[in-house]
Amino acid sequence: MTKLIKQIIILTACLVLSLQVYSQQSKSAAATKKNEQVKEANKKAYEKARKKTIKHRKEIQTKETRKRMEEADKRAEAYNKRDDDKWYRDIFKKKKHRR
C-alpha cells in the first residue's frame, strides 16, 4: 500500500513539473515571436522612411540635376552588376583552346 502511494506521489510530481516547464516554454516562444514582430515592424518603418528621404532628395533638385543623378545611378548599377559573380557563369564559361 505504501509503495503504491509513493508511486502515485512521484507520478503526480512529475506531471506537475512537466506542466510548469511546458508553460514556461510557451511563454518564451510567445515572447520571441513578439520580439521578431517588433523587429520586422521597425525594419519596415526604416525602409519606408529611407525611401521617402531619397524621393525628397530627388524632388528638391532641378530638372537637369535629376537627369544627371539618374544617369549616374544607371552607370553605377551597370558597373556594380559587372562584378556580380553568378554561380552558373563558371559552369558555362567558354574555355580557351591550347595550341
Protein backbone atom coordinates (compact mmCIF):
# COMPACT_ATOMS: atom_id res chain seq x y z
CA MET A 1 0.00 0.00 0.00
CA THR A 2 2.77 2.45 0.89
CA LYS A 3 4.61 1.52 -2.28
CA LEU A 4 1.51 2.39 -4.31
CA ILE A 5 1.15 5.75 -2.54
CA LYS A 6 4.81 6.58 -3.21
CA GLN A 7 4.39 5.76 -6.90
CA ILE A 8 1.28 7.96 -7.15
CA ILE A 9 3.07 10.87 -5.44
CA ILE A 10 6.08 10.54 -7.72
CA LEU A 11 3.85 10.35 -10.79
CA THR A 12 1.86 13.45 -9.84
CA ALA A 13 5.08 15.35 -9.04
CA CYS A 14 6.46 14.51 -12.49
CA LEU A 15 3.26 15.64 -14.17
CA VAL A 16 3.16 18.94 -12.27
CA LEU A 17 6.81 19.69 -13.05
CA SER A 18 6.41 18.87 -16.73
CA LEU A 19 3.37 21.16 -16.98
CA GLN A 20 5.32 24.03 -15.43
CA VAL A 21 8.20 23.57 -17.85
CA TYR A 22 5.80 23.42 -20.79
CA SER A 23 4.06 26.64 -19.75
CA GLN A 24 7.43 28.42 -19.46
CA GLN A 25 8.39 27.30 -22.93
CA SER A 26 5.19 28.63 -24.45
CA LYS A 27 5.71 31.98 -22.71
CA SER A 28 9.26 32.25 -24.02
CA ALA A 29 8.10 31.25 -27.51
CA ALA A 30 5.44 33.94 -27.42
CA ALA A 31 8.00 36.49 -26.24
CA THR A 32 10.41 35.63 -29.05
CA LYS A 33 7.61 35.77 -31.61
CA LYS A 34 6.58 39.21 -30.37
CA ASN A 35 10.21 40.34 -30.42
CA GLU A 36 10.55 39.22 -34.05
CA GLN A 37 7.35 41.08 -34.97
CA VAL A 38 8.68 44.26 -33.36
CA LYS A 39 11.97 43.93 -35.24
CA GLU A 40 10.12 43.40 -38.52
CA ALA A 41 7.91 46.45 -37.89
CA ASN A 42 10.98 48.58 -37.12
CA LYS A 43 12.67 47.36 -40.29
CA LYS A 44 9.61 48.24 -42.39
CA ALA A 45 9.38 51.69 -40.82
CA TYR A 46 13.08 52.31 -41.50
CA GLU A 47 12.78 51.26 -45.15
CA LYS A 48 9.69 53.44 -45.62
CA ALA A 49 11.43 56.49 -44.11
CA ARG A 50 14.54 55.82 -46.21
CA LYS A 51 12.54 55.68 -49.45
CA LYS A 52 10.72 58.86 -48.52
CA THR A 53 14.01 60.64 -47.84
CA ILE A 54 15.54 59.52 -51.14
CA LYS A 55 12.42 60.64 -53.02
CA HIS A 56 12.55 64.03 -51.30
CA ARG A 57 16.25 64.46 -52.15
CA LYS A 58 15.46 63.92 -55.83
CA GLU A 59 12.41 66.19 -55.81
CA ILE A 60 14.27 69.23 -54.46
CA GLN A 61 16.81 69.13 -57.33
CA THR A 62 16.44 70.96 -60.62
CA LYS A 63 15.44 69.04 -63.73
CA GLU A 64 18.98 68.97 -65.15
CA THR A 65 20.43 67.78 -61.85
CA ARG A 66 17.87 65.00 -61.60
CA LYS A 67 18.77 63.86 -65.09
CA ARG A 68 22.48 63.75 -64.19
CA MET A 69 21.66 61.86 -60.99
CA GLU A 70 19.65 59.24 -62.91
CA GLU A 71 22.48 58.78 -65.44
CA ALA A 72 25.00 58.39 -62.63
CA ASP A 73 22.73 55.81 -60.93
CA LYS A 74 22.50 53.83 -64.19
CA ARG A 75 26.28 53.87 -64.65
CA ALA A 76 26.85 52.79 -61.05
CA GLU A 77 24.31 49.98 -61.31
CA ALA A 78 25.88 48.69 -64.55
CA TYR A 79 29.36 48.88 -63.01
CA ASN A 80 28.29 47.01 -59.87
CA LYS A 81 26.41 44.33 -61.81
CA ARG A 82 29.59 43.60 -63.75
CA ASP A 83 31.32 42.31 -60.62
CA ASP A 84 28.36 40.18 -59.55
CA ASP A 85 29.51 36.57 -59.92
CA LYS A 86 26.69 34.24 -60.74
CA TRP A 87 27.14 30.58 -59.90
CA TYR A 88 26.19 29.41 -63.39
CA ARG A 89 28.74 31.62 -65.16
CA ASP A 90 31.57 29.34 -64.07
CA ILE A 91 29.81 26.28 -65.47
CA PHE A 92 29.08 27.72 -68.92
CA LYS A 93 32.30 29.74 -69.32
CA LYS A 94 34.00 29.40 -72.71
CA LYS A 95 37.25 27.53 -72.42
CA LYS A 96 40.36 28.76 -74.19
CA HIS A 97 41.84 26.29 -76.63
CA ARG A 98 45.52 25.49 -76.28
CA ARG A 99 47.63 25.00 -79.36
